[in-house]
């Protein structure tokens, strides 16, 4: 597992650096600006590429919100987690994980690849080789946003170096830029779709796992509301991007379900 993670991260870094370097080594707008001494745009482009790589490793290596056994005793004493919930429906089970035996907070799920329960579990990302959960999900969105800017700019730069001619010599001369452009287009489509879908789910305060498995999750299936965590777009976005602490989702869930209609 560790070797697989290493290879994925090495491949991402090598691909990002290789494509960026290739755009400077071919006759593109970036190379022409560099030759003219106009270094502002090349420096900004390099900075964005480095920023995207740093954000990638930030999301890869940080704790996504693992539920730790030693936190259970502390959680009982903390003000946030010691909320008294008097009206707990009997058909909604707040249970212990059958794999790691920790008490699962609401919206947590066990990831068999990471071997941990993850708070506000969204999904396990194979390209990141880490879970996306409550702690690293905002950084994942920032990473996707920066990556999209880099891809769109890189696509424009690659296109600027292409000139079209029907000959084998032209193909040999432009094979790198042509391949780079096609790869960038594919990655851009994937990133755009990911970013749009995640921003939509965030605005509704739901996760990929909850959206895909709504019918199998007891606290959603037995809720009187279609989405018991939805507090409106503005508050959902504020809580996602600006909250500095973990959220007691049980408090929101039971408060929303007990609101008068």
Protein backbone atom coordinates (compact mmCIF):
# COMPACT_ATOMS: atom_id res chain seq x y z
CA UNK A 1 0.00 0.00 0.00
CA UNK A 2 2.81 2.42 0.94
CA UNK A 3 4.65 1.65 -2.31
CA UNK A 4 1.49 2.31 -4.35
CA UNK A 5 1.00 5.67 -2.67
CA UNK A 6 4.62 6.62 -3.35
CA UNK A 7 4.38 5.76 -7.06
CA UNK A 8 1.14 7.72 -7.50
CA UNK A 9 2.63 10.81 -5.87
CA UNK A 10 5.90 10.52 -7.80
CA UNK A 11 3.91 10.15 -11.05
CA UNK A 12 1.84 13.26 -10.28
CA UNK A 13 4.91 15.35 -9.46
CA UNK A 14 6.86 14.12 -12.50
CA UNK A 15 3.92 14.73 -14.86
CA UNK A 16 3.31 18.25 -13.52
CA UNK A 17 6.98 19.25 -13.65
CA UNK A 18 7.58 17.51 -17.01
CA UNK A 19 4.67 19.23 -18.75
CA UNK A 20 5.60 22.64 -17.30
CA UNK A 21 9.26 22.26 -18.29
CA UNK A 22 8.32 21.10 -21.78
CA UNK A 23 6.24 24.25 -22.33
CA UNK A 24 9.36 26.35 -21.68
CA UNK A 25 11.60 24.23 -23.92
CA UNK A 26 9.35 24.52 -26.98
CA UNK A 27 8.47 27.56 -29.08
CA UNK A 28 5.52 28.69 -26.99
CA UNK A 29 4.38 32.08 -25.70
CA UNK A 30 6.17 31.43 -22.40
CA UNK A 31 9.49 30.80 -24.15
CA UNK A 32 9.07 33.92 -26.31
CA UNK A 33 8.30 36.06 -23.25
CA UNK A 34 11.33 34.66 -21.46
CA UNK A 35 13.57 35.47 -24.44
CA UNK A 36 12.24 39.05 -24.53
CA UNK A 37 12.94 39.45 -20.81
CA UNK A 38 9.24 39.65 -19.95
CA UNK A 39 9.46 37.41 -16.90
CA UNK A 40 6.25 38.27 -15.02
CA UNK A 41 3.93 35.75 -16.69
CA UNK A 42 6.51 32.90 -16.76
CA UNK A 43 7.20 33.45 -13.05
CA UNK A 44 3.47 33.49 -12.21
CA UNK A 45 2.97 30.29 -14.21
CA UNK A 46 5.85 28.52 -12.43
CA UNK A 47 4.55 29.75 -9.06
CA UNK A 48 1.09 28.34 -9.80
CA UNK A 49 2.56 24.97 -10.82
CA UNK A 50 4.59 24.82 -7.60
CA UNK A 51 1.54 25.92 -5.60
CA UNK A 52 -0.57 23.14 -7.14
CA UNK A 53 2.12 20.55 -6.29
CA UNK A 54 2.39 21.81 -2.69
CA UNK A 55 -1.40 21.73 -2.30
CA UNK A 56 -1.45 18.21 -3.73
CA UNK A 57 1.00 17.01 -1.08
CA UNK A 58 -0.85 18.97 1.60
CA UNK A 59 -4.06 17.06 0.80
CA UNK A 60 -2.15 13.77 0.39
CA UNK A 61 -0.27 13.85 3.66
CA UNK A 62 -2.63 15.58 6.10
CA UNK A 63 -5.05 13.83 8.42
CA UNK A 64 -8.43 13.85 6.61
CA UNK A 65 -10.25 13.53 9.94
CA UNK A 66 -9.37 10.10 11.25
CA UNK A 67 -11.42 9.07 14.29
CA UNK A 68 -8.93 7.97 16.94
CA UNK A 69 -9.74 5.68 19.84
CA UNK A 70 -8.06 7.96 22.39
CA UNK A 71 -10.33 10.83 21.36
CA UNK A 72 -13.45 9.05 22.60
CA UNK A 73 -12.81 9.72 26.29
CA UNK A 74 -11.79 13.32 25.60
CA UNK A 75 -14.85 13.84 23.40
CA UNK A 76 -17.16 12.99 26.29
CA UNK A 77 -15.66 15.84 28.33
CA UNK A 78 -15.56 18.43 25.55
CA UNK A 79 -18.32 20.96 25.26
CA UNK A 80 -18.78 20.37 21.55
CA UNK A 81 -19.21 16.61 21.76
CA UNK A 82 -21.08 16.42 25.08
CA UNK A 83 -24.34 17.77 23.68
CA UNK A 84 -27.32 16.14 25.36
CA UNK A 85 -29.60 14.76 22.64
CA UNK A 86 -32.87 13.80 24.35
CA UNK A 87 -34.88 12.76 21.34
CA UNK A 88 -32.84 10.07 19.58
CA UNK A 89 -35.04 7.99 17.28
CA UNK A 90 -34.59 4.29 18.01
CA UNK A 91 -34.19 3.51 14.30
CA UNK A 92 -31.12 5.78 13.99
CA UNK A 93 -28.10 3.93 15.30
CA UNK A 94 -24.94 5.76 16.35
CA UNK A 95 -22.72 2.69 16.40
CA UNK A 96 -19.23 1.44 16.94
CA UNK A 97 -17.20 0.61 13.84
CA UNK A 98 -17.00 -3.12 13.24
CA UNK A 99 -13.45 -2.80 11.86
CA UNK A 100 -11.53 -0.45 14.17
CA UNK A 101 -14.01 -0.55 17.10
CA UNK A 102 -14.09 3.22 17.64
CA UNK A 103 -17.34 5.05 18.31
CA UNK A 104 -18.32 6.61 14.99
CA UNK A 105 -19.48 10.23 15.01
CA UNK A 106 -22.39 10.93 12.69
CA UNK A 107 -21.35 11.19 9.01
CA UNK A 108 -18.16 9.18 9.67
CA UNK A 109 -17.39 6.06 7.65
CA UNK A 110 -14.70 3.41 7.78
CA UNK A 111 -12.32 3.39 4.80
CA UNK A 112 -10.91 -0.08 4.24
CA UNK A 113 -8.04 1.32 2.14
CA UNK A 114 -6.89 3.75 4.85
CA UNK A 115 -7.91 1.38 7.68
CA UNK A 116 -9.51 4.23 9.64
CA UNK A 117 -12.89 5.78 10.26
CA UNK A 118 -13.01 9.27 8.71
CA UNK A 119 -15.12 12.20 9.93
CA UNK A 120 -17.59 13.57 7.38
CA UNK A 121 -16.30 11.00 4.92
CA UNK A 122 -16.61 12.09 1.28
CA UNK A 123 -14.63 9.52 -0.73
CA UNK A 124 -11.25 7.84 -1.08
CA UNK A 125 -9.39 9.55 -3.92
CA UNK A 126 -7.07 7.19 -5.87
CA UNK A 127 -5.10 10.09 -7.38
CA UNK A 128 -4.52 11.65 -3.96
CA UNK A 129 -4.17 8.18 -2.34
CA UNK A 130 -5.89 9.49 0.76
CA UNK A 131 -9.43 9.89 2.02
CA UNK A 132 -11.23 13.18 1.55
CA UNK A 133 -12.83 14.01 4.88
CA UNK A 134 -13.78 16.87 7.16
CA UNK A 135 -10.24 18.18 7.74
CA UNK A 136 -8.77 18.09 4.22
CA UNK A 137 -11.87 18.57 2.03
CA UNK A 138 -11.49 22.42 1.88
CA UNK A 139 -7.83 22.02 0.84
CA UNK A 140 -8.94 19.53 -1.82
CA UNK A 141 -11.28 22.16 -3.31
CA UNK A 142 -8.53 24.80 -3.27
CA UNK A 143 -6.17 22.30 -4.92
CA UNK A 144 -8.70 21.55 -7.68
CA UNK A 145 -9.23 25.29 -8.27
CA UNK A 146 -5.51 26.04 -8.58
CA UNK A 147 -5.01 22.95 -10.73
CA UNK A 148 -7.79 24.12 -13.07
CA UNK A 149 -6.10 27.51 -13.53
CA UNK A 150 -2.77 25.79 -14.28
CA UNK A 151 -4.40 23.40 -16.78
CA UNK A 152 -6.31 26.11 -18.66
CA UNK A 153 -3.22 28.32 -18.84
CA UNK A 154 -1.02 25.36 -19.79
CA UNK A 155 -3.46 24.38 -22.55
CA UNK A 156 -3.35 27.89 -23.99
CA UNK A 157 0.47 27.89 -23.85
CA UNK A 158 0.71 24.47 -25.55
CA UNK A 159 -1.70 25.61 -28.28
CA UNK A 160 0.38 28.76 -28.87
CA UNK A 161 3.37 26.62 -29.86
CA UNK A 162 1.50 24.52 -32.41
CA UNK A 163 1.52 25.27 -36.13
CA UNK A 164 -0.28 22.91 -38.45
CA UNK A 165 1.23 21.18 -41.46
CA UNK A 166 0.58 17.76 -43.02
CA UNK A 167 4.01 16.11 -42.86
CA UNK A 168 5.96 13.64 -40.75
CA UNK A 169 8.50 16.34 -39.96
CA UNK A 170 5.72 18.50 -38.49
CA UNK A 171 4.50 15.57 -36.37
CA UNK A 172 7.99 14.82 -35.06
CA UNK A 173 8.51 18.48 -34.21
CA UNK A 174 5.16 18.97 -32.50
CA UNK A 175 4.50 15.57 -30.93
CA UNK A 176 5.25 16.80 -27.39
CA UNK A 177 3.05 19.88 -27.59
CA UNK A 178 0.26 17.94 -29.30
CA UNK A 179 0.36 15.18 -26.66
CA UNK A 180 0.58 17.76 -23.89
CA UNK A 181 -2.43 19.64 -25.23
CA UNK A 182 -4.54 16.46 -25.47
CA UNK A 183 -3.55 15.38 -21.95
CA UNK A 184 -4.33 18.85 -20.60
CA UNK A 185 -7.77 18.82 -22.26
CA UNK A 186 -8.57 15.43 -20.67
CA UNK A 187 -7.36 16.51 -17.22
CA UNK A 188 -9.24 19.81 -17.52
CA UNK A 189 -12.53 18.04 -18.23
CA UNK A 190 -12.00 15.73 -15.22
CA UNK A 191 -11.10 18.61 -12.89
CA UNK A 192 -14.03 20.77 -14.06
CA UNK A 193 -16.49 17.92 -13.48
CA UNK A 194 -15.00 17.19 -10.05
CA UNK A 195 -15.02 20.84 -9.03
CA UNK A 196 -18.60 21.47 -10.17
CA UNK A 197 -19.93 18.32 -8.49
CA UNK A 198 -18.11 19.01 -5.21
CA UNK A 199 -19.19 22.66 -5.07
CA UNK A 200 -22.78 21.61 -5.65
CA UNK A 201 -22.61 18.99 -2.87
CA UNK A 202 -20.90 21.46 -0.52
CA UNK A 203 -23.61 24.07 -1.18
CA UNK A 204 -26.17 21.42 -0.10
CA UNK A 205 -24.00 20.26 2.84
CA UNK A 206 -23.89 16.67 1.67
CA UNK A 207 -21.03 14.37 0.71
CA UNK A 208 -20.32 12.12 -2.25
CA UNK A 209 -20.87 9.06 -0.05
CA UNK A 210 -24.20 10.39 1.29
CA UNK A 211 -25.34 11.41 -2.20
CA UNK A 212 -24.54 8.01 -3.72
CA UNK A 213 -25.69 5.87 -0.78
CA UNK A 214 -28.61 7.86 0.63
CA UNK A 215 -30.88 4.79 0.70
CA UNK A 216 -28.36 2.74 2.72
CA UNK A 217 -27.47 5.29 5.43
CA UNK A 218 -29.75 4.94 8.45
CA UNK A 219 -29.59 8.55 9.69
CA UNK A 220 -30.62 9.80 6.21
CA UNK A 221 -33.13 7.05 5.45
CA UNK A 222 -35.04 7.65 8.69
CA UNK A 223 -34.80 11.45 8.73
CA UNK A 224 -37.96 13.50 8.29
CA UNK A 225 -35.96 15.84 6.05
CA UNK A 226 -34.42 14.99 2.69
CA UNK A 227 -31.13 16.50 3.87
CA UNK A 228 -31.02 17.10 7.65
CA UNK A 229 -27.65 18.92 7.46
CA UNK A 230 -28.66 21.57 4.89
CA UNK A 231 -28.71 25.01 6.54
CA UNK A 232 -28.88 27.09 3.37
CA UNK A 233 -26.21 27.77 0.76
CA UNK A 234 -24.46 30.67 2.53
CA UNK A 235 -24.23 28.96 5.92
CA UNK A 236 -23.21 25.67 4.30
CA UNK A 237 -20.35 27.36 2.43
CA UNK A 238 -19.34 29.35 5.52
CA UNK A 239 -19.26 26.23 7.69
CA UNK A 240 -17.25 24.32 5.05
CA UNK A 241 -14.59 26.93 4.21
CA UNK A 242 -14.39 29.05 7.36
CA UNK A 243 -15.04 26.75 10.31
CA UNK A 244 -11.88 26.22 12.37
CA UNK A 245 -13.11 23.27 14.43
CA UNK A 246 -14.80 19.93 13.94
CA UNK A 247 -18.58 20.09 13.81
CA UNK A 248 -20.91 18.14 16.08
CA UNK A 249 -23.17 16.91 13.28
CA UNK A 250 -25.42 15.11 15.75
CA UNK A 251 -26.43 18.50 17.19
CA UNK A 252 -27.40 19.89 13.78
CA UNK A 253 -29.15 16.67 12.77
CA UNK A 254 -31.44 16.42 15.78
CA UNK A 255 -32.06 20.17 15.94
CA UNK A 256 -33.14 20.25 12.28
CA UNK A 257 -35.33 17.14 12.63
CA UNK A 258 -37.07 18.59 15.71
CA UNK A 259 -37.77 21.98 14.11
CA UNK A 260 -41.48 22.79 13.81
CA UNK A 261 -42.79 22.51 10.24
